[in-house]
Amino acid sequence: MIFDKKVKIFVTIPMENVNDVRIAMCEAGAGLIGNYSFCSSSTKCIGTFIPNNNAKPYIGNNNQLEFVEEEKLEAICNVENVKKVCEAIRKSHPYEEPAIDIIPLIDESCF
């Protein structure tokens, strides 16, 4: 099998909310590597967006370009837990529409 039964989930979060989302993700089943739990990493980044007239932005104003200091949080997740982890992210994340990336991982035994 080329693809592992794991994915990596990435989400960007305002700095002050990272630990809440990290806890929610890991309690939902992300971040398990061997005998370790709550495994994750984060990188500081700048997020940009323009909320339209229908948006209710957590940060910024409608119809204005916003630049926000964020952290990109990432954790490995078993495929069977992806839906539960994404639901936990949405419940704990302050944004109306969090940007969640799900990347399939390749099984290293294929090489």
Protein backbone atom coordinates (compact mmCIF):
# COMPACT_ATOMS: atom_id res chain seq x y z
CA MET A 1 0.00 0.00 0.00
CA ILE A 2 1.47 3.33 -1.07
CA PHE A 3 -0.63 5.55 1.16
CA ASP A 4 -0.52 5.19 4.91
CA LYS A 5 -3.78 5.21 6.83
CA LYS A 6 -2.74 8.56 8.24
CA VAL A 7 -3.03 12.17 7.19
CA LYS A 8 -1.50 15.40 8.34
CA ILE A 9 -4.01 18.07 9.31
CA PHE A 10 -2.98 21.75 9.11
CA VAL A 11 -4.98 24.71 10.37
CA THR A 12 -4.08 28.38 10.86
CA ILE A 13 -5.17 29.99 14.11
CA PRO A 14 -4.83 33.41 15.78
CA MET A 15 -1.94 33.26 18.25
CA GLU A 16 -4.13 33.58 21.35
CA ASN A 17 -6.28 30.56 20.38
CA VAL A 18 -3.61 27.99 19.45
CA ASN A 19 -3.61 26.00 22.69
CA ASP A 20 -7.41 25.68 22.75
CA VAL A 21 -7.45 24.29 19.20
CA ARG A 22 -4.42 22.04 19.88
CA ILE A 23 -6.16 20.49 22.89
CA ALA A 24 -9.40 20.00 20.95
CA MET A 25 -7.58 18.35 18.02
CA CYS A 26 -5.58 16.00 20.22
CA GLU A 27 -8.51 15.08 22.46
CA ALA A 28 -10.42 14.18 19.26
CA GLY A 29 -7.66 11.76 18.17
CA ALA A 30 -4.96 13.73 16.37
CA GLY A 31 -1.33 13.81 17.45
CA LEU A 32 -0.75 10.10 18.13
CA ILE A 33 2.69 8.84 17.12
CA GLY A 34 3.72 5.46 18.52
CA ASN A 35 3.76 5.69 22.32
CA TYR A 36 3.27 9.48 22.31
CA SER A 37 0.14 11.60 22.32
CA PHE A 38 -0.48 15.34 21.82
CA CYS A 39 2.27 15.42 19.16
CA SER A 40 2.01 18.58 17.09
CA SER A 41 4.07 21.43 15.78
CA SER A 42 3.33 25.01 14.90
CA THR A 43 4.90 27.73 12.81
CA LYS A 44 4.24 31.44 13.01
CA CYS A 45 2.81 32.93 9.84
CA ILE A 46 0.81 35.85 8.49
CA GLY A 47 -2.71 35.12 7.26
CA THR A 48 -4.64 37.39 4.90
CA PHE A 49 -8.32 37.64 4.04
CA ILE A 50 -11.09 40.02 3.03
CA PRO A 51 -14.44 39.33 4.73
CA ASN A 52 -17.37 40.06 2.40
CA ASN A 53 -20.63 41.76 3.46
CA ASN A 54 -22.14 38.45 4.66
CA ALA A 55 -19.18 37.55 6.89
CA LYS A 56 -19.02 37.99 10.65
CA PRO A 57 -15.25 38.24 11.10
CA TYR A 58 -13.60 37.41 14.42
CA ILE A 59 -10.80 39.80 13.45
CA GLY A 60 -10.99 42.76 11.10
CA ASN A 61 -13.70 44.53 9.15
CA ASN A 62 -15.89 43.60 6.22
CA ASN A 63 -14.50 44.46 2.78
CA GLN A 64 -11.04 45.31 4.11
CA LEU A 65 -7.86 43.31 3.56
CA GLU A 66 -6.61 42.01 6.89
CA PHE A 67 -3.13 40.77 7.84
CA VAL A 68 -3.16 38.60 10.97
CA GLU A 69 -0.33 37.01 12.94
CA GLU A 70 -1.27 33.36 13.16
CA GLU A 71 0.23 29.97 13.87
CA LYS A 72 -0.06 27.08 11.46
CA LEU A 73 -0.76 24.08 13.68
CA GLU A 74 -0.16 20.59 12.30
CA ALA A 75 -0.69 17.08 13.62
CA ILE A 76 -0.82 13.54 12.28
CA CYS A 77 -4.19 11.84 12.39
CA ASN A 78 -5.49 8.34 11.63
CA VAL A 79 -7.95 8.44 8.72
CA GLU A 80 -10.81 7.12 10.86
CA ASN A 81 -10.49 10.14 13.20
CA VAL A 82 -10.36 12.89 10.54
CA LYS A 83 -14.05 13.84 10.67
CA LYS A 84 -14.05 13.96 14.48
CA VAL A 85 -10.85 16.06 14.53
CA CYS A 86 -12.21 18.51 11.92
CA GLU A 87 -15.41 18.88 13.95
CA ALA A 88 -13.32 19.59 17.07
CA ILE A 89 -11.30 22.21 15.16
CA ARG A 90 -14.47 23.98 14.00
CA LYS A 91 -15.97 23.97 17.52
CA SER A 92 -12.83 25.36 19.18
CA HIS A 93 -11.61 27.71 16.42
CA PRO A 94 -12.67 31.36 16.65
CA TYR A 95 -12.96 31.88 12.88
CA GLU A 96 -16.27 31.55 11.09
CA GLU A 97 -14.47 29.58 8.31
CA PRO A 98 -11.19 28.01 9.51
CA ALA A 99 -8.82 26.95 6.72
CA ILE A 100 -8.20 23.22 7.27
CA ASP A 101 -5.82 21.26 5.02
CA ILE A 102 -5.79 17.45 5.03
CA ILE A 103 -2.76 15.84 3.37
CA PRO A 104 -2.51 12.06 2.80
CA LEU A 105 0.76 10.53 3.98
CA ILE A 106 2.82 7.94 2.10
CA ASP A 107 3.77 4.75 3.94
CA GLU A 108 7.56 4.85 4.28
CA SER A 109 7.78 1.05 3.85
CA CYS A 110 7.12 1.61 0.13
CA PHE A 111 10.64 2.99 -0.32
